[in-house]
PDB file of N, CA and C in Angstrom:
ATOM      1  N   UNK A   1      -8.036  10.000   0.097  1.00  0.00           N
ATOM      2  CA  UNK A   1      -7.987  10.063  -1.481  1.00  0.00           C
ATOM      3  C   UNK A   1      -6.950  11.271  -2.099  1.00  0.00           C
ATOM      4  N   UNK A   2      -6.795  11.107  -3.416  1.00  0.00           N
ATOM      5  CA  UNK A   2      -6.005  12.130  -3.997  1.00  0.00           C
ATOM      6  C   UNK A   2      -6.152  12.079  -5.487  1.00  0.00           C
ATOM      7  N   UNK A   3      -6.315  13.339  -5.847  1.00  0.00           N
ATOM      8  CA  UNK A   3      -6.275  13.474  -7.243  1.00  0.00           C
ATOM      9  C   UNK A   3      -5.365  13.751  -7.948  1.00  0.00           C
ATOM     10  N   UNK A   4      -3.808  14.110  -7.188  1.00  0.00           N
ATOM     11  CA  UNK A   4      -2.452  14.117  -7.591  1.00  0.00           C
ATOM     12  C   UNK A   4      -2.323  13.115  -8.458  1.00  0.00           C
ATOM     13  N   UNK A   5      -0.726  13.003  -9.125  1.00  0.00           N
ATOM     14  CA  UNK A   5      -0.390  11.880  -9.494  1.00  0.00           C
ATOM     15  C   UNK A   5       0.132  11.212  -8.714  1.00  0.00           C
ATOM     16  N   UNK A   6       0.452   9.917  -9.324  1.00  0.00           N
ATOM     17  CA  UNK A   6       0.511   8.966  -8.011  1.00  0.00           C
ATOM     18  C   UNK A   6       2.389   8.170  -8.850  1.00  0.00           C
ATOM     19  N   UNK A   7       1.812   7.717  -9.656  1.00  0.00           N
ATOM     20  CA  UNK A   7       3.714   6.680 -10.312  1.00  0.00           C
ATOM     21  C   UNK A   7       3.915   7.563 -11.557  1.00  0.00           C
ATOM     22  N   UNK A   8       3.432   8.030 -12.368  1.00  0.00           N
ATOM     23  CA  UNK A   8       4.054   8.632 -13.688  1.00  0.00           C
ATOM     24  C   UNK A   8       4.460  10.353 -13.490  1.00  0.00           C
ATOM     25  N   UNK A   9       3.526  10.452 -12.389  1.00  0.00           N
ATOM     26  CA  UNK A   9       3.456  12.078 -12.666  1.00  0.00           C
ATOM     27  C   UNK A   9       3.077  13.139 -13.502  1.00  0.00           C
ATOM     28  N   UNK A  10       2.189  12.466 -13.855  1.00  0.00           N
ATOM     29  CA  UNK A  10       1.293  13.084 -15.447  1.00  0.00           C
ATOM     30  C   UNK A  10       0.015  13.151 -14.137  1.00  0.00           C
ATOM     31  N   UNK A  11      -0.925  14.520 -14.683  1.00  0.00           N
ATOM     32  CA  UNK A  11      -2.046  14.673 -13.709  1.00  0.00           C
ATOM     33  C   UNK A  11      -2.761  13.999 -14.164  1.00  0.00           C
ATOM     34  N   UNK A  12      -3.867  13.947 -13.088  1.00  0.00           N
ATOM     35  CA  UNK A  12      -4.995  12.889 -13.498  1.00  0.00           C
ATOM     36  C   UNK A  12      -6.108  13.839 -14.548  1.00  0.00           C
ATOM     37  N   UNK A  13      -6.596  13.365 -15.225  1.00  0.00           N
ATOM     38  CA  UNK A  13      -7.643  13.769 -16.313  1.00  0.00           C
ATOM     39  C   UNK A  13      -8.437  14.344 -15.561  1.00  0.00           C
ATOM     40  N   UNK A  14      -9.098  15.771 -15.794  1.00  0.00           N
ATOM     41  CA  UNK A  14      -9.725  16.832 -15.333  1.00  0.00           C
ATOM     42  C   UNK A  14     -11.721  15.743 -15.219  1.00  0.00           C
ATOM     43  N   UNK A  15     -11.760  14.945 -15.988  1.00  0.00           N
ATOM     44  CA  UNK A  15     -13.142  14.370 -15.678  1.00  0.00           C
ATOM     45  C   UNK A  15     -12.854  13.271 -14.367  1.00  0.00           C
ATOM     46  N   UNK A  16     -11.855  12.739 -14.484  1.00  0.00           N
ATOM     47  CA  UNK A  16     -11.410  11.539 -13.111  1.00  0.00           C
ATOM     48  C   UNK A  16     -11.094  12.314 -11.925  1.00  0.00           C
ATOM     49  N   UNK A  17     -10.689  13.301 -11.814  1.00  0.00           N
ATOM     50  CA  UNK A  17     -10.157  14.123 -10.544  1.00  0.00           C
ATOM     51  C   UNK A  17     -11.690  14.554 -10.257  1.00  0.00           C
ATOM     52  N   UNK A  18     -12.462  14.936 -10.839  1.00  0.00           N
ATOM     53  CA  UNK A  18     -14.044  15.282 -10.825  1.00  0.00           C
ATOM     54  C   UNK A  18     -14.767  14.591  -9.889  1.00  0.00           C
ATOM     55  N   UNK A  19     -14.473  13.488 -10.785  1.00  0.00           N
ATOM     56  CA  UNK A  19     -15.488  11.993 -10.340  1.00  0.00           C
ATOM     57  C   UNK A  19     -15.179  11.513  -9.008  1.00  0.00           C
ATOM     58  N   UNK A  20     -13.573  11.571  -8.839  1.00  0.00           N
ATOM     59  CA  UNK A  20     -13.065  11.233  -7.381  1.00  0.00           C
ATOM     60  C   UNK A  20     -13.985  12.085  -6.300  1.00  0.00           C
ATOM     61  N   UNK A  21     -13.610  13.678  -6.434  1.00  0.00           N
ATOM     62  CA  UNK A  21     -14.253  14.712  -5.721  1.00  0.00           C
ATOM     63  C   UNK A  21     -15.705  14.174  -5.221  1.00  0.00           C
ATOM     64  N   UNK A  22     -16.537  14.006  -6.454  1.00  0.00           N
ATOM     65  CA  UNK A  22     -17.688  13.766  -6.339  1.00  0.00           C
ATOM     66  C   UNK A  22     -18.038  12.169  -5.428  1.00  0.00           C
ATOM     67  N   UNK A  23     -17.371  11.548  -5.388  1.00  0.00           N
ATOM     68  CA  UNK A  23     -17.364  10.390  -4.539  1.00  0.00           C
ATOM     69  C   UNK A  23     -17.228  10.392  -3.205  1.00  0.00           C
ATOM     70  N   UNK A  24     -16.097  11.187  -3.075  1.00  0.00           N
ATOM     71  CA  UNK A  24     -15.596  11.887  -1.691  1.00  0.00           C
ATOM     72  C   UNK A  24     -16.616  12.573  -1.032  1.00  0.00           C
ATOM     73  N   UNK A  25     -17.409  13.620  -1.814  1.00  0.00           N
ATOM     74  CA  UNK A  25     -18.572  14.162  -0.841  1.00  0.00           C
ATOM     75  C   UNK A  25     -19.353  13.313  -0.833  1.00  0.00           C
ATOM     76  N   UNK A  26     -19.756  12.366  -1.780  1.00  0.00           N
ATOM     77  CA  UNK A  26     -21.121  11.262  -0.849  1.00  0.00           C
ATOM     78  C   UNK A  26     -20.478  10.795   0.021  1.00  0.00           C
ATOM     79  N   UNK A  27     -19.314   9.967   0.104  1.00  0.00           N
ATOM     80  CA  UNK A  27     -19.053   9.757   1.256  1.00  0.00           C
ATOM     81  C   UNK A  27     -18.955  10.491   2.289  1.00  0.00           C
ATOM     82  N   UNK A  28     -18.899  11.282   2.510  1.00  0.00           N
ATOM     83  CA  UNK A  28     -18.849  12.746   3.344  1.00  0.00           C
ATOM     84  C   UNK A  28     -20.425  12.687   3.710  1.00  0.00           C
ATOM     85  N   UNK A  29     -21.070  12.646   3.027  1.00  0.00           N
ATOM     86  CA  UNK A  29     -22.372  12.962   2.943  1.00  0.00           C
ATOM     87  C   UNK A  29     -23.191  11.692   3.499  1.00  0.00           C
ATOM     88  N   UNK A  30     -22.457  10.418   3.333  1.00  0.00           N
ATOM     89  CA  UNK A  30     -23.123   9.408   4.458  1.00  0.00           C
ATOM     90  C   UNK A  30     -22.374   9.136   5.839  1.00  0.00           C
ATOM     91  N   UNK A  31     -21.586  10.289   6.229  1.00  0.00           N
ATOM     92  CA  UNK A  31     -21.193  10.034   7.324  1.00  0.00           C
ATOM     93  C   UNK A  31     -19.430   9.574   7.555  1.00  0.00           C
ATOM     94  N   UNK A  32     -19.083   9.475   6.516  1.00  0.00           N
ATOM     95  CA  UNK A  32     -17.596   9.133   6.496  1.00  0.00           C
ATOM     96  C   UNK A  32     -16.916  10.252   6.508  1.00  0.00           C
ATOM     97  N   UNK A  33     -15.769   9.932   7.699  1.00  0.00           N
ATOM     98  CA  UNK A  33     -14.711  11.005   7.500  1.00  0.00           C
ATOM     99  C   UNK A  33     -13.528  10.746   5.967  1.00  0.00           C
ATOM    100  N   UNK A  34     -13.411  11.737   5.416  1.00  0.00           N
ATOM    101  CA  UNK A  34     -12.919  11.775   4.019  1.00  0.00           C
ATOM    102  C   UNK A  34     -11.936  12.797   4.544  1.00  0.00           C
ATOM    103  N   UNK A  35     -10.379  12.574   3.927  1.00  0.00           N
ATOM    104  CA  UNK A  35      -9.576  12.857   4.093  1.00  0.00           C
ATOM    105  C   UNK A  35      -8.725  13.080   2.517  1.00  0.00           C
ATOM    106  N   UNK A  36      -7.966  14.674   1.847  1.00  0.00           N
ATOM    107  CA  UNK A  36      -7.160  14.262   0.739  1.00  0.00           C
ATOM    108  C   UNK A  36      -5.911  13.987   1.106  1.00  0.00           C
ATOM    109  N   UNK A  37      -5.223  13.064   0.906  1.00  0.00           N
ATOM    110  CA  UNK A  37      -3.727  12.437   1.255  1.00  0.00           C
ATOM    111  C   UNK A  37      -2.818  11.958   0.373  1.00  0.00           C
ATOM    112  N   UNK A  38      -1.772  12.194  -0.111  1.00  0.00           N
ATOM    113  CA  UNK A  38      -1.222  11.765  -1.303  1.00  0.00           C
ATOM    114  C   UNK A  38      -0.491  10.223  -0.173  1.00  0.00           C
ATOM    115  N   UNK A  39      -0.620   9.206  -0.788  1.00  0.00           N
ATOM    116  CA  UNK A  39       0.070   7.899  -0.456  1.00  0.00           C
ATOM    117  C   UNK A  39       1.572   8.548  -0.344  1.00  0.00           C
ATOM    118  N   UNK A  40       2.495   7.483   0.615  1.00  0.00           N
ATOM    119  CA  UNK A  40       3.834   7.328   0.335  1.00  0.00           C
ATOM    120  C   UNK A  40       3.960   5.876  -0.503  1.00  0.00           C
ATOM    121  N   UNK A  41       4.964   6.084  -1.335  1.00  0.00           N
ATOM    122  CA  UNK A  41       4.883   5.240  -1.953  1.00  0.00           C
ATOM    123  C   UNK A  41       6.230   4.593  -2.314  1.00  0.00           C
ATOM    124  N   UNK A  42       6.972   3.356  -2.260  1.00  0.00           N
ATOM    125  CA  UNK A  42       8.244   2.854  -2.175  1.00  0.00           C
ATOM    126  C   UNK A  42       7.773   2.176  -3.605  1.00  0.00           C
ATOM    127  N   UNK A  43       8.553   2.707  -4.741  1.00  0.00           N
ATOM    128  CA  UNK A  43       8.027   2.377  -6.520  1.00  0.00           C
ATOM    129  C   UNK A  43       8.543   1.134  -6.935  1.00  0.00           C
ATOM    130  N   UNK A  44       9.809   0.709  -6.043  1.00  0.00           N
ATOM    131  CA  UNK A  44      10.422  -0.235  -6.268  1.00  0.00           C
ATOM    132  C   UNK A  44       9.904  -1.437  -5.490  1.00  0.00           C
ATOM    133  N   UNK A  45       9.344  -1.051  -4.578  1.00  0.00           N
ATOM    134  CA  UNK A  45       8.411  -2.348  -4.099  1.00  0.00           C
ATOM    135  C   UNK A  45       7.616  -2.333  -4.628  1.00  0.00           C
ATOM    136  N   UNK A  46       6.503  -1.780  -4.715  1.00  0.00           N
ATOM    137  CA  UNK A  46       5.522  -1.818  -5.845  1.00  0.00           C
ATOM    138  C   UNK A  46       5.595  -2.259  -7.057  1.00  0.00           C
ATOM    139  N   UNK A  47       6.426  -2.155  -7.733  1.00  0.00           N
ATOM    140  CA  UNK A  47       6.940  -2.585  -8.923  1.00  0.00           C
ATOM    141  C   UNK A  47       7.437  -4.204  -9.025  1.00  0.00           C
ATOM    142  N   UNK A  48       7.893  -4.230  -7.914  1.00  0.00           N
ATOM    143  CA  UNK A  48       8.144  -6.119  -7.724  1.00  0.00           C
ATOM    144  C   UNK A  48       7.370  -6.771  -7.307  1.00  0.00           C
ATOM    145  N   UNK A  49       6.535  -6.239  -6.332  1.00  0.00           N
ATOM    146  CA  UNK A  49       5.014  -6.348  -6.173  1.00  0.00           C
ATOM    147  C   UNK A  49       4.200  -7.177  -7.494  1.00  0.00           C
ATOM    148  N   UNK A  50       4.186  -5.835  -8.386  1.00  0.00           N
ATOM    149  CA  UNK A  50       3.120  -6.076  -9.266  1.00  0.00           C
ATOM    150  C   UNK A  50       3.792  -7.004 -10.403  1.00  0.00           C
ATOM    151  N   UNK A  51       5.422  -7.312 -10.695  1.00  0.00           N
ATOM    152  CA  UNK A  51       6.013  -8.311 -11.479  1.00  0.00           C
ATOM    153  C   UNK A  51       5.824  -9.362 -10.612  1.00  0.00           C
ATOM    154  N   UNK A  52       5.535 -10.183  -9.422  1.00  0.00           N
ATOM    155  CA  UNK A  52       5.396 -10.930  -9.098  1.00  0.00           C
ATOM    156  C   UNK A  52       4.041 -11.883  -9.377  1.00  0.00           C
ATOM    157  N   UNK A  53       3.095 -10.758  -8.964  1.00  0.00           N
ATOM    158  CA  UNK A  53       1.584 -11.067  -9.436  1.00  0.00           C
ATOM    159  C   UNK A  53       1.443 -11.424 -10.958  1.00  0.00           C
ATOM    160  N   UNK A  54       1.657 -10.235 -11.702  1.00  0.00           N
ATOM    161  CA  UNK A  54       1.988 -10.503 -13.046  1.00  0.00           C
ATOM    162  C   UNK A  54       2.420 -12.316 -13.406  1.00  0.00           C
ATOM    163  N   UNK A  55       3.458 -12.163 -12.937  1.00  0.00           N
ATOM    164  CA  UNK A  55       4.430 -14.083 -13.256  1.00  0.00           C
ATOM    165  C   UNK A  55       3.497 -14.963 -12.728  1.00  0.00           C
ATOM    166  N   UNK A  56       3.102 -14.931 -11.687  1.00  0.00           N
ATOM    167  CA  UNK A  56       1.979 -15.771 -11.064  1.00  0.00           C
ATOM    168  C   UNK A  56       0.818 -15.813 -11.866  1.00  0.00           C
ATOM    169  N   UNK A  57       0.396 -15.313 -12.240  1.00  0.00           N
ATOM    170  CA  UNK A  57      -1.020 -15.042 -12.888  1.00  0.00           C
ATOM    171  C   UNK A  57      -0.705 -15.459 -14.328  1.00  0.00           C
ATOM    172  N   UNK A  58       0.418 -15.128 -15.345  1.00  0.00           N
ATOM    173  CA  UNK A  58       1.153 -15.657 -16.019  1.00  0.00           C
ATOM    174  C   UNK A  58       1.316 -17.391 -16.596  1.00  0.00           C
ATOM    175  N   UNK A  59       1.689 -17.475 -15.200  1.00  0.00           N
ATOM    176  CA  UNK A  59       1.808 -19.276 -15.032  1.00  0.00           C
ATOM    177  C   UNK A  59       0.826 -19.789 -14.590  1.00  0.00           C
ATOM    178  N   UNK A  60      -0.513 -19.157 -13.835  1.00  0.00           N
ATOM    179  CA  UNK A  60      -1.785 -19.732 -13.747  1.00  0.00           C
ATOM    180  C   UNK A  60      -2.449 -19.914 -15.278  1.00  0.00           C
ATOM    181  N   UNK A  61      -2.127 -19.137 -15.955  1.00  0.00           N
ATOM    182  CA  UNK A  61      -2.840 -19.100 -17.438  1.00  0.00           C
ATOM    183  C   UNK A  61      -2.323 -19.961 -18.200  1.00  0.00           C
ATOM    184  N   UNK A  62      -1.154 -20.241 -18.244  1.00  0.00           N
ATOM    185  CA  UNK A  62      -0.156 -21.243 -19.032  1.00  0.00           C
ATOM    186  C   UNK A  62      -0.754 -22.583 -18.592  1.00  0.00           C
ATOM    187  N   UNK A  63      -0.675 -22.938 -17.322  1.00  0.00           N
ATOM    188  CA  UNK A  63      -1.260 -24.040 -16.683  1.00  0.00           C
ATOM    189  C   UNK A  63      -3.028 -24.578 -17.139  1.00  0.00           C
ATOM    190  N   UNK A  64      -3.536 -23.493 -16.866  1.00  0.00           N
ATOM    191  CA  UNK A  64      -4.999 -23.900 -17.659  1.00  0.00           C
ATOM    192  C   UNK A  64      -4.751 -24.087 -18.893  1.00  0.00           C
ATOM    193  N   UNK A  65      -4.450 -23.297 -19.983  1.00  0.00           N
ATOM    194  CA  UNK A  65      -4.424 -23.359 -21.260  1.00  0.00           C
ATOM    195  C   UNK A  65      -3.679 -24.762 -21.589  1.00  0.00           C
ATOM    196  N   UNK A  66      -2.625 -25.619 -20.626  1.00  0.00           N
ATOM    197  CA  UNK A  66      -2.130 -26.749 -20.971  1.00  0.00           C
ATOM    198  C   UNK A  66      -3.320 -27.587 -20.421  1.00  0.00           C
ATOM    199  N   UNK A  67      -4.038 -27.503 -19.594  1.00  0.00           N
ATOM    200  CA  UNK A  67      -5.305 -28.696 -18.996  1.00  0.00           C
ATOM    201  C   UNK A  67      -6.306 -28.592 -20.072  1.00  0.00           C
ATOM    202  N   UNK A  68      -6.618 -27.256 -20.850  1.00  0.00           N
ATOM    203  CA  UNK A  68      -7.450 -27.576 -21.616  1.00  0.00           C
ATOM    204  C   UNK A  68      -7.428 -27.622 -22.893  1.00  0.00           C
ATOM    205  N   UNK A  69      -5.890 -27.729 -23.322  1.00  0.00           N
ATOM    206  CA  UNK A  69      -5.612 -28.561 -24.469  1.00  0.00           C
ATOM    207  C   UNK A  69      -5.307 -29.936 -24.902  1.00  0.00           C
ATOM    208  N   UNK A  70      -4.771 -30.105 -23.413  1.00  0.00           N
ATOM    209  CA  UNK A  70      -3.893 -31.703 -23.318  1.00  0.00           C
ATOM    210  C   UNK A  70      -2.503 -31.139 -24.002  1.00  0.00           C
ATOM    211  N   UNK A  71      -2.030 -30.229 -24.242  1.00  0.00           N
ATOM    212  CA  UNK A  71      -0.833 -29.891 -24.460  1.00  0.00           C
ATOM    213  C   UNK A  71       0.050 -29.350 -23.633  1.00  0.00           C
ATOM    214  N   UNK A  72       1.329 -29.950 -23.648  1.00  0.00           N
ATOM    215  CA  UNK A  72       2.355 -29.137 -22.845  1.00  0.00           C
ATOM    216  C   UNK A  72       2.845 -27.676 -23.271  1.00  0.00           C
ATOM    217  N   UNK A  73       2.689 -26.787 -22.335  1.00  0.00           N
ATOM    218  CA  UNK A  73       3.399 -25.782 -22.911  1.00  0.00           C
ATOM    219  C   UNK A  73       4.698 -25.303 -22.567  1.00  0.00           C
ATOM    220  N   UNK A  74       5.594 -25.149 -23.467  1.00  0.00           N
ATOM    221  CA  UNK A  74       6.970 -25.194 -23.332  1.00  0.00           C
ATOM    222  C   UNK A  74       7.606 -23.313 -22.960  1.00  0.00           C
TER     223      UNK A  74
END
């Protein structure tokens, strides 16, 4: 887990960071090994994956709207 900034380098809100730490503590108490670590992210690859998924979802939603309305989406 991490409570540090990931994508936009803004710090995590204090309440959110505290909730993450509390959840990590509960997991440790349940016997899980919990390690604070910062994942290595390829931002360009991550953004490409997001755009691909968002585009696919938009296409699906437009197809569903066309089916429900009986009208072609241009």
